[in-house]
Amino acid sequence: MSASQGLMVCWVVLVLLSVGTVLAGGAGVGWGVWVLAVGKSWLIADGFMELRDAPWGWRWGVLGWAWVVVGCVGVLV
């Protein structure tokens, strides 16, 4: 698969995850919104930012940030 095809697949999956987030929020499934949001952040980090081959510190820093945000919002809400 070429780089442009890989980015197209990432884009399509991001669109589907975004639609799923809207549907989960509309159905009142709060945990589904959080899971899909973390999934989107993982796809953005590994797909678009291409951190899958980066040093682990960078990758886990970016991916860990999504969990920090979800945790903080979960505590505050």
N, C-alpha and C. Protein backbone atom coordinates (compact mmCIF):
# COMPACT_ATOMS: atom_id res chain seq x y z
N MET A 1 0.85 -1.17 0.00
CA MET A 1 0.00 0.00 0.00
C MET A 1 0.90 1.24 0.00
N SER A 2 0.61 2.18 -0.88
CA SER A 2 1.42 3.39 -0.95
C SER A 2 1.06 4.33 0.21
N ALA A 3 1.89 5.33 0.39
CA ALA A 3 1.66 6.28 1.49
C ALA A 3 0.33 7.01 1.32
N SER A 4 0.02 7.40 0.10
CA SER A 4 -1.24 8.13 -0.11
C SER A 4 -2.45 7.23 0.13
N GLN A 5 -2.35 5.96 -0.23
CA GLN A 5 -3.45 5.02 0.04
C GLN A 5 -3.60 4.81 1.54
N GLY A 6 -2.50 4.71 2.26
CA GLY A 6 -2.56 4.56 3.71
C GLY A 6 -3.21 5.75 4.38
N LEU A 7 -2.87 6.96 3.92
CA LEU A 7 -3.50 8.15 4.47
C LEU A 7 -4.98 8.20 4.15
N MET A 8 -5.36 7.73 2.96
CA MET A 8 -6.78 7.70 2.59
C MET A 8 -7.54 6.74 3.51
N VAL A 9 -6.95 5.59 3.80
CA VAL A 9 -7.59 4.63 4.71
C VAL A 9 -7.72 5.25 6.10
N CYS A 10 -6.67 5.93 6.57
CA CYS A 10 -6.74 6.60 7.88
C CYS A 10 -7.85 7.63 7.88
N TRP A 11 -7.97 8.39 6.81
CA TRP A 11 -8.99 9.42 6.74
C TRP A 11 -10.39 8.82 6.79
N VAL A 12 -10.61 7.74 6.05
CA VAL A 12 -11.93 7.09 6.03
C VAL A 12 -12.25 6.54 7.43
N VAL A 13 -11.28 5.92 8.08
CA VAL A 13 -11.52 5.39 9.43
C VAL A 13 -11.79 6.52 10.41
N LEU A 14 -11.09 7.65 10.27
CA LEU A 14 -11.36 8.80 11.14
C LEU A 14 -12.77 9.34 10.93
N VAL A 15 -13.23 9.37 9.70
CA VAL A 15 -14.60 9.81 9.43
C VAL A 15 -15.59 8.86 10.10
N LEU A 16 -15.36 7.56 9.97
CA LEU A 16 -16.26 6.58 10.60
C LEU A 16 -16.24 6.69 12.12
N LEU A 17 -15.05 6.89 12.69
CA LEU A 17 -14.97 7.06 14.15
C LEU A 17 -15.68 8.34 14.58
N SER A 18 -15.59 9.38 13.78
CA SER A 18 -16.27 10.64 14.11
C SER A 18 -17.79 10.46 14.07
N VAL A 19 -18.27 9.77 13.06
CA VAL A 19 -19.72 9.49 12.98
C VAL A 19 -20.14 8.63 14.17
N GLY A 20 -19.32 7.65 14.52
CA GLY A 20 -19.62 6.81 15.69
C GLY A 20 -19.65 7.61 16.97
N THR A 21 -18.77 8.61 17.09
CA THR A 21 -18.76 9.46 18.27
C THR A 21 -20.06 10.26 18.38
N VAL A 22 -20.51 10.79 17.27
CA VAL A 22 -21.76 11.56 17.27
C VAL A 22 -22.94 10.65 17.62
N LEU A 23 -22.98 9.46 17.03
CA LEU A 23 -24.07 8.54 17.31
C LEU A 23 -24.05 8.06 18.76
N ALA A 24 -22.85 7.79 19.28
CA ALA A 24 -22.75 7.35 20.68
C ALA A 24 -23.17 8.47 21.62
N GLY A 25 -22.78 9.70 21.32
CA GLY A 25 -23.20 10.84 22.15
C GLY A 25 -24.70 11.06 22.08
N GLY A 26 -25.27 10.92 20.90
CA GLY A 26 -26.71 11.08 20.75
C GLY A 26 -27.51 10.01 21.45
N ALA A 27 -26.92 8.81 21.55
CA ALA A 27 -27.59 7.70 22.23
C ALA A 27 -27.36 7.72 23.74
N GLY A 28 -26.52 8.65 24.20
CA GLY A 28 -26.26 8.74 25.63
C GLY A 28 -25.24 7.74 26.14
N VAL A 29 -24.43 7.21 25.26
CA VAL A 29 -23.42 6.23 25.64
C VAL A 29 -22.10 6.99 25.86
N GLY A 30 -21.93 7.54 27.06
CA GLY A 30 -20.77 8.36 27.35
C GLY A 30 -19.45 7.63 27.22
N TRP A 31 -19.40 6.39 27.71
CA TRP A 31 -18.14 5.64 27.65
C TRP A 31 -17.76 5.37 26.19
N GLY A 32 -18.75 5.22 25.31
CA GLY A 32 -18.47 4.99 23.90
C GLY A 32 -17.80 6.19 23.25
N VAL A 33 -18.23 7.39 23.67
CA VAL A 33 -17.61 8.62 23.17
C VAL A 33 -16.15 8.66 23.57
N TRP A 34 -15.86 8.32 24.83
CA TRP A 34 -14.47 8.34 25.32
C TRP A 34 -13.60 7.32 24.60
N VAL A 35 -14.12 6.13 24.42
CA VAL A 35 -13.35 5.08 23.74
C VAL A 35 -13.06 5.48 22.29
N LEU A 36 -14.04 6.01 21.61
CA LEU A 36 -13.85 6.43 20.22
C LEU A 36 -12.89 7.62 20.14
N ALA A 37 -12.94 8.51 21.12
CA ALA A 37 -12.02 9.66 21.11
C ALA A 37 -10.58 9.20 21.29
N VAL A 38 -10.35 8.26 22.18
CA VAL A 38 -9.00 7.73 22.36
C VAL A 38 -8.56 6.97 21.11
N GLY A 39 -9.48 6.24 20.49
CA GLY A 39 -9.17 5.55 19.24
C GLY A 39 -8.78 6.51 18.14
N LYS A 40 -9.47 7.65 18.07
CA LYS A 40 -9.13 8.65 17.06
C LYS A 40 -7.75 9.24 17.33
N SER A 41 -7.45 9.49 18.60
CA SER A 41 -6.13 10.05 18.90
C SER A 41 -5.02 9.06 18.55
N TRP A 42 -5.26 7.78 18.78
CA TRP A 42 -4.27 6.75 18.42
C TRP A 42 -4.08 6.73 16.90
N LEU A 43 -5.17 6.79 16.16
CA LEU A 43 -5.07 6.76 14.70
C LEU A 43 -4.36 7.99 14.16
N ILE A 44 -4.64 9.14 14.74
CA ILE A 44 -3.95 10.37 14.31
C ILE A 44 -2.46 10.27 14.60
N ALA A 45 -2.11 9.78 15.80
CA ALA A 45 -0.69 9.67 16.17
C ALA A 45 0.04 8.66 15.30
N ASP A 46 -0.53 7.49 15.13
CA ASP A 46 0.16 6.44 14.36
C ASP A 46 0.00 6.59 12.86
N GLY A 47 -1.13 7.09 12.40
CA GLY A 47 -1.39 7.18 10.98
C GLY A 47 -0.89 8.47 10.36
N PHE A 48 -1.47 9.59 10.78
CA PHE A 48 -1.12 10.86 10.15
C PHE A 48 0.23 11.39 10.62
N MET A 49 0.51 11.30 11.92
CA MET A 49 1.78 11.80 12.43
C MET A 49 2.91 10.79 12.24
N GLU A 50 2.56 9.56 11.86
CA GLU A 50 3.51 8.49 11.59
C GLU A 50 4.47 8.24 12.75
N LEU A 51 3.92 8.21 13.97
CA LEU A 51 4.73 7.97 15.15
C LEU A 51 4.93 6.49 15.45
N ARG A 52 4.38 5.61 14.61
CA ARG A 52 4.51 4.18 14.89
C ARG A 52 5.96 3.73 14.83
N ASP A 53 6.80 4.46 14.09
CA ASP A 53 8.22 4.13 14.01
C ASP A 53 9.10 5.09 14.81
N ALA A 54 8.48 6.00 15.55
CA ALA A 54 9.23 6.97 16.35
C ALA A 54 9.70 6.32 17.65
N PRO A 55 10.62 6.97 18.35
CA PRO A 55 11.02 6.45 19.66
C PRO A 55 9.81 6.35 20.60
N TRP A 56 9.86 5.36 21.48
CA TRP A 56 8.72 5.08 22.35
C TRP A 56 8.33 6.27 23.21
N GLY A 57 9.28 7.07 23.62
CA GLY A 57 8.95 8.24 24.44
C GLY A 57 8.01 9.20 23.74
N TRP A 58 8.28 9.47 22.49
CA TRP A 58 7.40 10.35 21.72
C TRP A 58 6.03 9.73 21.51
N ARG A 59 6.05 8.47 21.15
CA ARG A 59 4.78 7.81 20.86
C ARG A 59 3.90 7.73 22.11
N TRP A 60 4.47 7.29 23.21
CA TRP A 60 3.67 7.16 24.44
C TRP A 60 3.31 8.52 25.02
N GLY A 61 4.14 9.52 24.77
CA GLY A 61 3.78 10.87 25.21
C GLY A 61 2.54 11.38 24.51
N VAL A 62 2.48 11.18 23.21
CA VAL A 62 1.32 11.64 22.45
C VAL A 62 0.09 10.79 22.78
N LEU A 63 0.28 9.47 22.83
CA LEU A 63 -0.87 8.60 23.13
C LEU A 63 -1.32 8.74 24.58
N GLY A 64 -0.37 8.95 25.48
CA GLY A 64 -0.71 9.10 26.90
C GLY A 64 -1.49 10.38 27.16
N TRP A 65 -1.23 11.40 26.35
CA TRP A 65 -1.93 12.66 26.54
C TRP A 65 -3.45 12.48 26.38
N ALA A 66 -3.87 11.64 25.47
CA ALA A 66 -5.31 11.39 25.29
C ALA A 66 -5.91 10.79 26.56
N TRP A 67 -5.19 9.87 27.19
CA TRP A 67 -5.70 9.26 28.42
C TRP A 67 -5.72 10.27 29.56
N VAL A 68 -4.75 11.17 29.61
CA VAL A 68 -4.74 12.22 30.65
C VAL A 68 -5.95 13.12 30.48
N VAL A 69 -6.23 13.53 29.26
CA VAL A 69 -7.38 14.40 29.01
C VAL A 69 -8.69 13.68 29.36
N VAL A 70 -8.81 12.43 28.94
CA VAL A 70 -10.02 11.67 29.26
C VAL A 70 -10.18 11.51 30.77
N GLY A 71 -9.08 11.22 31.44
CA GLY A 71 -9.14 11.07 32.90
C GLY A 71 -9.53 12.36 33.59
N CYS A 72 -8.96 13.48 33.18
CA CYS A 72 -9.29 14.77 33.80
C CYS A 72 -10.74 15.15 33.55
N VAL A 73 -11.20 14.99 32.34
CA VAL A 73 -12.59 15.32 32.03
C VAL A 73 -13.53 14.40 32.79
N GLY A 74 -13.16 13.11 32.87
CA GLY A 74 -13.99 12.16 33.61
C GLY A 74 -14.11 12.51 35.09
N VAL A 75 -13.03 13.01 35.66
CA VAL A 75 -13.06 13.40 37.08
C VAL A 75 -13.89 14.67 37.25
N LEU A 76 -13.74 15.61 36.34
CA LEU A 76 -14.44 16.89 36.47
C LEU A 76 -15.92 16.81 36.15
N VAL A 77 -16.31 15.84 35.33
CA VAL A 77 -17.72 15.72 34.96
C VAL A 77 -18.34 14.77 35.89
